[in-house]
Amino acid sequence: AQDQGCQVITEETQRGWLPSLFSWFIKKGLL
């Protein structure tokens, strides 16, 4: 909560064979 609204933050971490193989692609898609 801030004046006139809220800062909303979302974060995700991943591990496993799929993100290990495609980390750059997955991160770009998540963002």
All heavy atoms as atom14 arrays in JSON, in Angstrom:
{
  "sequence": "AQDQGCQVITEETQRGWLPSLFSWFIKKGLL",
  "atom14_mask": [
    [1, 1, 1, 1, 1, 0, 0, 0, 0, 0, 0, 0, 0, 0],
    [1, 1, 1, 1, 1, 1, 1, 1, 1, 0, 0, 0, 0, 0],
    [1, 1, 1, 1, 1, 1, 1, 1, 0, 0, 0, 0, 0, 0],
    [1, 1, 1, 1, 1, 1, 1, 1, 1, 0, 0, 0, 0, 0],
    [1, 1, 1, 1, 0, 0, 0, 0, 0, 0, 0, 0, 0, 0],
    [1, 1, 1, 1, 1, 1, 0, 0, 0, 0, 0, 0, 0, 0],
    [1, 1, 1, 1, 1, 1, 1, 1, 1, 0, 0, 0, 0, 0],
    [1, 1, 1, 1, 1, 1, 1, 0, 0, 0, 0, 0, 0, 0],
    [1, 1, 1, 1, 1, 1, 1, 1, 0, 0, 0, 0, 0, 0],
    [1, 1, 1, 1, 1, 1, 1, 0, 0, 0, 0, 0, 0, 0],
    [1, 1, 1, 1, 1, 1, 1, 1, 1, 0, 0, 0, 0, 0],
    [1, 1, 1, 1, 1, 1, 1, 1, 1, 0, 0, 0, 0, 0],
    [1, 1, 1, 1, 1, 1, 1, 0, 0, 0, 0, 0, 0, 0],
    [1, 1, 1, 1, 1, 1, 1, 1, 1, 0, 0, 0, 0, 0],
    [1, 1, 1, 1, 1, 1, 1, 1, 1, 1, 1, 0, 0, 0],
    [1, 1, 1, 1, 0, 0, 0, 0, 0, 0, 0, 0, 0, 0],
    [1, 1, 1, 1, 1, 1, 1, 1, 1, 1, 1, 1, 1, 1],
    [1, 1, 1, 1, 1, 1, 1, 1, 0, 0, 0, 0, 0, 0],
    [1, 1, 1, 1, 1, 1, 1, 0, 0, 0, 0, 0, 0, 0],
    [1, 1, 1, 1, 1, 1, 0, 0, 0, 0, 0, 0, 0, 0],
    [1, 1, 1, 1, 1, 1, 1, 1, 0, 0, 0, 0, 0, 0],
    [1, 1, 1, 1, 1, 1, 1, 1, 1, 1, 1, 0, 0, 0],
    [1, 1, 1, 1, 1, 1, 0, 0, 0, 0, 0, 0, 0, 0],
    [1, 1, 1, 1, 1, 1, 1, 1, 1, 1, 1, 1, 1, 1],
    [1, 1, 1, 1, 1, 1, 1, 1, 1, 1, 1, 0, 0, 0],
    [1, 1, 1, 1, 1, 1, 1, 1, 0, 0, 0, 0, 0, 0],
    [1, 1, 1, 1, 1, 1, 1, 1, 1, 0, 0, 0, 0, 0],
    [1, 1, 1, 1, 1, 1, 1, 1, 1, 0, 0, 0, 0, 0],
    [1, 1, 1, 1, 0, 0, 0, 0, 0, 0, 0, 0, 0, 0],
    [1, 1, 1, 1, 1, 1, 1, 1, 0, 0, 0, 0, 0, 0],
    [1, 1, 1, 1, 1, 1, 1, 1, 0, 0, 0, 0, 0, 0]
  ],
  "atom14_positions": [
    [[0.84, -1.2, 0.0], [0.0, 0.0, 0.0], [0.87, 1.25, 0.0], [1.87, 1.33, 0.72], [-0.93, -0.01, 1.2], [0.0, 0.0, 0.0], [0.0, 0.0, 0.0], [0.0, 0.0, 0.0], [0.0, 0.0, 0.0], [0.0, 0.0, 0.0], [0.0, 0.0, 0.0], [0.0, 0.0, 0.0], [0.0, 0.0, 0.0], [0.0, 0.0, 0.0]],
    [[0.49, 2.21, -0.84], [1.16, 3.5, -0.94], [0.09, 4.57, -1.09], [-1.1, 4.27, -1.22], [2.11, 3.52, -2.15], [3.21, 2.49, -2.07], [4.11, 2.5, -3.29], [3.73, 2.96, -4.36], [5.31, 1.98, -3.12], [0.0, 0.0, 0.0], [0.0, 0.0, 0.0], [0.0, 0.0, 0.0], [0.0, 0.0, 0.0], [0.0, 0.0, 0.0]],
    [[0.52, 5.82, -1.12], [-0.44, 6.9, -1.38], [-1.07, 6.68, -2.75], [-0.38, 6.38, -3.71], [0.26, 8.27, -1.37], [0.67, 8.69, 0.03], [0.13, 8.13, 1.01], [1.53, 9.58, 0.13], [0.0, 0.0, 0.0], [0.0, 0.0, 0.0], [0.0, 0.0, 0.0], [0.0, 0.0, 0.0], [0.0, 0.0, 0.0], [0.0, 0.0, 0.0]],
    [[-2.36, 6.76, -2.82], [-3.12, 6.69, -4.07], [-3.13, 5.31, -4.73], [-3.44, 5.19, -5.91], [-2.61, 7.73, -5.08], [-2.49, 9.14, -4.56], [-3.84, 9.7, -4.08], [-4.84, 9.55, -4.76], [-3.85, 10.31, -2.91], [0.0, 0.0, 0.0], [0.0, 0.0, 0.0], [0.0, 0.0, 0.0], [0.0, 0.0, 0.0], [0.0, 0.0, 0.0]],
    [[-2.75, 4.25, -4.0], [-2.79, 2.93, -4.6], [-1.79, 1.97, -3.99], [-1.41, 2.11, -2.83], [0.0, 0.0, 0.0], [0.0, 0.0, 0.0], [0.0, 0.0, 0.0], [0.0, 0.0, 0.0], [0.0, 0.0, 0.0], [0.0, 0.0, 0.0], [0.0, 0.0, 0.0], [0.0, 0.0, 0.0], [0.0, 0.0, 0.0], [0.0, 0.0, 0.0]],
    [[-1.33, 1.02, -4.82], [-0.41, -0.02, -4.33], [0.64, -0.36, -5.38], [0.34, -0.37, -6.58], [-1.18, -1.31, -4.05], [-2.44, -1.16, -2.78], [0.0, 0.0, 0.0], [0.0, 0.0, 0.0], [0.0, 0.0, 0.0], [0.0, 0.0, 0.0], [0.0, 0.0, 0.0], [0.0, 0.0, 0.0], [0.0, 0.0, 0.0], [0.0, 0.0, 0.0]],
    [[1.82, -0.66, -4.91], [2.83, -1.26, -5.77], [2.61, -2.76, -5.68], [2.55, -3.32, -4.58], [4.24, -0.89, -5.28], [5.34, -1.23, -6.23], [5.32, -0.36, -7.49], [4.69, 0.7, -7.52], [5.99, -0.81, -8.52], [0.0, 0.0, 0.0], [0.0, 0.0, 0.0], [0.0, 0.0, 0.0], [0.0, 0.0, 0.0], [0.0, 0.0, 0.0]],
    [[2.44, -3.4, -6.82], [2.21, -4.84, -6.85], [3.41, -5.49, -7.53], [3.78, -5.12, -8.65], [0.9, -5.19, -7.59], [0.67, -6.7, -7.6], [-0.29, -4.48, -6.94], [0.0, 0.0, 0.0], [0.0, 0.0, 0.0], [0.0, 0.0, 0.0], [0.0, 0.0, 0.0], [0.0, 0.0, 0.0], [0.0, 0.0, 0.0], [0.0, 0.0, 0.0]],
    [[4.0, -6.42, -6.82], [5.21, -7.11, -7.29], [4.87, -8.59, -7.43], [4.24, -9.17, -6.55], [6.35, -6.94, -6.28], [6.64, -5.46, -6.04], [7.61, -7.68, -6.74], [7.38, -5.16, -4.76], [0.0, 0.0, 0.0], [0.0, 0.0, 0.0], [0.0, 0.0, 0.0], [0.0, 0.0, 0.0], [0.0, 0.0, 0.0], [0.0, 0.0, 0.0]],
    [[5.28, -9.17, -8.53], [5.13, -10.61, -8.7], [6.47, -11.17, -9.12], [7.17, -10.6, -9.95], [4.0, -10.97, -9.69], [3.82, -12.38, -9.67], [4.25, -10.5, -11.09], [0.0, 0.0, 0.0], [0.0, 0.0, 0.0], [0.0, 0.0, 0.0], [0.0, 0.0, 0.0], [0.0, 0.0, 0.0], [0.0, 0.0, 0.0], [0.0, 0.0, 0.0]],
    [[6.85, -12.27, -8.49], [8.11, -12.94, -8.8], [7.87, -14.43, -8.91], [7.03, -14.98, -8.2], [9.17, -12.7, -7.72], [9.78, -11.34, -7.77], [11.01, -11.22, -6.89], [12.02, -11.93, -7.13], [10.97, -10.39, -5.96], [0.0, 0.0, 0.0], [0.0, 0.0, 0.0], [0.0, 0.0, 0.0], [0.0, 0.0, 0.0], [0.0, 0.0, 0.0]],
    [[8.64, -15.05, -9.78], [8.56, -16.5, -9.92], [9.96, -17.06, -10.09], [10.78, -16.49, -10.81], [7.7, -16.89, -11.13], [7.54, -18.37, -11.28], [6.49, -18.78, -12.29], [5.47, -18.09, -12.42], [6.7, -19.83, -12.93], [0.0, 0.0, 0.0], [0.0, 0.0, 0.0], [0.0, 0.0, 0.0], [0.0, 0.0, 0.0], [0.0, 0.0, 0.0]],
    [[10.21, -18.17, -9.42], [11.43, -18.93, -9.65], [11.03, -20.32, -10.1], [9.95, -20.81, -9.76], [12.3, -19.03, -8.37], [11.57, -19.69, -7.35], [12.75, -17.65, -7.9], [0.0, 0.0, 0.0], [0.0, 0.0, 0.0], [0.0, 0.0, 0.0], [0.0, 0.0, 0.0], [0.0, 0.0, 0.0], [0.0, 0.0, 0.0], [0.0, 0.0, 0.0]],
    [[11.9, -20.93, -10.9], [11.64, -22.28, -11.41], [12.91, -23.09, -11.39], [14.01, -22.57, -11.58], [11.14, -22.23, -12.86], [9.78, -21.65, -13.06], [9.32, -21.77, -14.5], [9.97, -22.37, -15.35], [8.16, -21.18, -14.77], [0.0, 0.0, 0.0], [0.0, 0.0, 0.0], [0.0, 0.0, 0.0], [0.0, 0.0, 0.0], [0.0, 0.0, 0.0]],
    [[12.72, -24.39, -11.2], [13.82, -25.33, -11.35], [13.26, -26.62, -11.92], [12.05, -26.83, -11.95], [14.56, -25.53, -10.04], [13.74, -26.03, -8.9], [14.6, -26.18, -7.64], [14.07, -27.21, -6.82], [13.29, -27.01, -5.77], [13.0, -25.79, -5.39], [12.82, -28.02, -5.08], [0.0, 0.0, 0.0], [0.0, 0.0, 0.0], [0.0, 0.0, 0.0]],
    [[14.13, -27.48, -12.38], [13.73, -28.74, -13.01], [14.39, -28.86, -14.37], [15.07, -27.94, -14.84], [0.0, 0.0, 0.0], [0.0, 0.0, 0.0], [0.0, 0.0, 0.0], [0.0, 0.0, 0.0], [0.0, 0.0, 0.0], [0.0, 0.0, 0.0], [0.0, 0.0, 0.0], [0.0, 0.0, 0.0], [0.0, 0.0, 0.0], [0.0, 0.0, 0.0]],
    [[14.16, -30.0, -15.02], [14.84, -30.21, -16.3], [14.33, -29.27, -17.4], [15.1, -28.82, -18.23], [14.78, -31.67, -16.74], [13.41, -32.21, -17.07], [12.59, -32.93, -16.26], [12.7, -32.08, -18.31], [11.42, -33.24, -16.9], [11.46, -32.74, -18.16], [12.98, -31.47, -19.53], [10.52, -32.8, -19.19], [12.04, -31.52, -20.55], [10.83, -32.19, -20.38]],
    [[13.04, -28.96, -17.38], [12.5, -28.09, -18.42], [13.09, -26.67, -18.35], [13.63, -26.18, -19.35], [10.97, -28.06, -18.35], [10.26, -27.33, -19.48], [10.52, -28.0, -20.82], [8.77, -27.27, -19.2], [0.0, 0.0, 0.0], [0.0, 0.0, 0.0], [0.0, 0.0, 0.0], [0.0, 0.0, 0.0], [0.0, 0.0, 0.0], [0.0, 0.0, 0.0]],
    [[13.03, -25.99, -17.2], [13.66, -24.68, -17.14], [15.18, -24.74, -17.32], [15.77, -23.78, -17.83], [13.28, -24.12, -15.77], [12.58, -25.18, -15.04], [12.27, -26.29, -15.98], [0.0, 0.0, 0.0], [0.0, 0.0, 0.0], [0.0, 0.0, 0.0], [0.0, 0.0, 0.0], [0.0, 0.0, 0.0], [0.0, 0.0, 0.0], [0.0, 0.0, 0.0]],
    [[15.81, -25.85, -16.95], [17.26, -25.97, -17.16], [17.6, -25.95, -18.64], [18.58, -25.34, -19.06], [17.8, -27.26, -16.53], [17.72, -27.18, -15.13], [0.0, 0.0, 0.0], [0.0, 0.0, 0.0], [0.0, 0.0, 0.0], [0.0, 0.0, 0.0], [0.0, 0.0, 0.0], [0.0, 0.0, 0.0], [0.0, 0.0, 0.0], [0.0, 0.0, 0.0]],
    [[16.76, -26.59, -19.44], [17.02, -26.63, -20.89], [16.64, -25.34, -21.61], [17.27, -24.98, -22.61], [16.24, -27.79, -21.52], [16.72, -29.2, -21.2], [15.78, -30.24, -21.79], [18.14, -29.41, -21.73], [0.0, 0.0, 0.0], [0.0, 0.0, 0.0], [0.0, 0.0, 0.0], [0.0, 0.0, 0.0], [0.0, 0.0, 0.0], [0.0, 0.0, 0.0]],
    [[15.6, -24.66, -21.12], [15.05, -23.53, -21.86], [14.97, -22.26, -21.01], [14.04, -21.47, -21.13], [13.65, -23.88, -22.38], [13.64, -25.07, -23.28], [13.18, -26.3, -22.82], [14.11, -24.99, -24.58], [13.17, -27.42, -23.64], [14.11, -26.1, -25.41], [13.64, -27.33, -24.95], [0.0, 0.0, 0.0], [0.0, 0.0, 0.0], [0.0, 0.0, 0.0]],
    [[15.93, -22.04, -20.12], [15.85, -20.94, -19.15], [15.65, -19.57, -19.79], [14.81, -18.79, -19.35], [17.07, -20.93, -18.23], [18.25, -20.73, -18.97], [0.0, 0.0, 0.0], [0.0, 0.0, 0.0], [0.0, 0.0, 0.0], [0.0, 0.0, 0.0], [0.0, 0.0, 0.0], [0.0, 0.0, 0.0], [0.0, 0.0, 0.0], [0.0, 0.0, 0.0]],
    [[16.42, -19.24, -20.81], [16.3, -17.92, -21.43], [14.9, -17.73, -22.02], [14.26, -16.7, -21.83], [17.36, -17.74, -22.52], [17.24, -16.42, -23.2], [17.77, -15.24, -22.77], [16.52, -16.13, -24.4], [17.42, -14.23, -23.63], [16.65, -14.75, -24.65], [15.77, -16.89, -25.28], [16.08, -14.12, -25.75], [15.2, -16.27, -26.37], [15.36, -14.91, -26.59]],
    [[14.43, -18.73, -22.74], [13.12, -18.67, -23.38], [12.0, -18.56, -22.34], [11.08, -17.75, -22.48], [12.93, -19.91, -24.26], [11.62, -19.95, -24.97], [11.38, -19.15, -26.08], [10.62, -20.81, -24.56], [10.16, -19.19, -26.75], [9.4, -20.87, -25.21], [9.18, -20.04, -26.31], [0.0, 0.0, 0.0], [0.0, 0.0, 0.0], [0.0, 0.0, 0.0]],
    [[12.1, -19.35, -21.28], [11.08, -19.34, -20.24], [11.06, -18.0, -19.51], [10.0, -17.42, -19.29], [11.27, -20.52, -19.26], [10.95, -21.84, -19.97], [10.42, -20.34, -18.01], [11.31, -23.08, -19.18], [0.0, 0.0, 0.0], [0.0, 0.0, 0.0], [0.0, 0.0, 0.0], [0.0, 0.0, 0.0], [0.0, 0.0, 0.0], [0.0, 0.0, 0.0]],
    [[12.24, -17.47, -19.16], [12.28, -16.19, -18.45], [11.67, -15.08, -19.31], [10.89, -14.27, -18.8], [13.71, -15.83, -18.08], [13.78, -14.52, -17.33], [15.16, -14.18, -16.83], [15.12, -12.85, -16.07], [16.4, -12.57, -15.42], [0.0, 0.0, 0.0], [0.0, 0.0, 0.0], [0.0, 0.0, 0.0], [0.0, 0.0, 0.0], [0.0, 0.0, 0.0]],
    [[11.98, -15.04, -20.57], [11.42, -14.04, -21.48], [9.9, -14.13, -21.5], [9.19, -13.13, -21.43], [12.01, -14.22, -22.88], [11.56, -13.2, -23.88], [12.22, -13.44, -25.24], [11.66, -12.48, -26.26], [12.19, -12.76, -27.6], [0.0, 0.0, 0.0], [0.0, 0.0, 0.0], [0.0, 0.0, 0.0], [0.0, 0.0, 0.0], [0.0, 0.0, 0.0]],
    [[9.37, -15.35, -21.58], [7.93, -15.54, -21.59], [7.28, -15.14, -20.28], [6.21, -14.52, -20.27], [0.0, 0.0, 0.0], [0.0, 0.0, 0.0], [0.0, 0.0, 0.0], [0.0, 0.0, 0.0], [0.0, 0.0, 0.0], [0.0, 0.0, 0.0], [0.0, 0.0, 0.0], [0.0, 0.0, 0.0], [0.0, 0.0, 0.0], [0.0, 0.0, 0.0]],
    [[7.92, -15.49, -19.16], [7.38, -15.1, -17.85], [7.3, -13.59, -17.72], [6.29, -13.05, -17.27], [8.24, -15.67, -16.73], [8.14, -17.16, -16.44], [9.18, -17.58, -15.41], [6.75, -17.55, -15.99], [0.0, 0.0, 0.0], [0.0, 0.0, 0.0], [0.0, 0.0, 0.0], [0.0, 0.0, 0.0], [0.0, 0.0, 0.0], [0.0, 0.0, 0.0]],
    [[8.38, -12.9, -18.09], [8.39, -11.44, -17.96], [7.27, -10.81, -18.79], [6.57, -9.91, -18.32], [9.75, -10.88, -18.37], [10.89, -11.18, -17.42], [12.24, -10.8, -18.04], [10.7, -10.47, -16.08], [0.0, 0.0, 0.0], [0.0, 0.0, 0.0], [0.0, 0.0, 0.0], [0.0, 0.0, 0.0], [0.0, 0.0, 0.0], [0.0, 0.0, 0.0]]
  ]
}
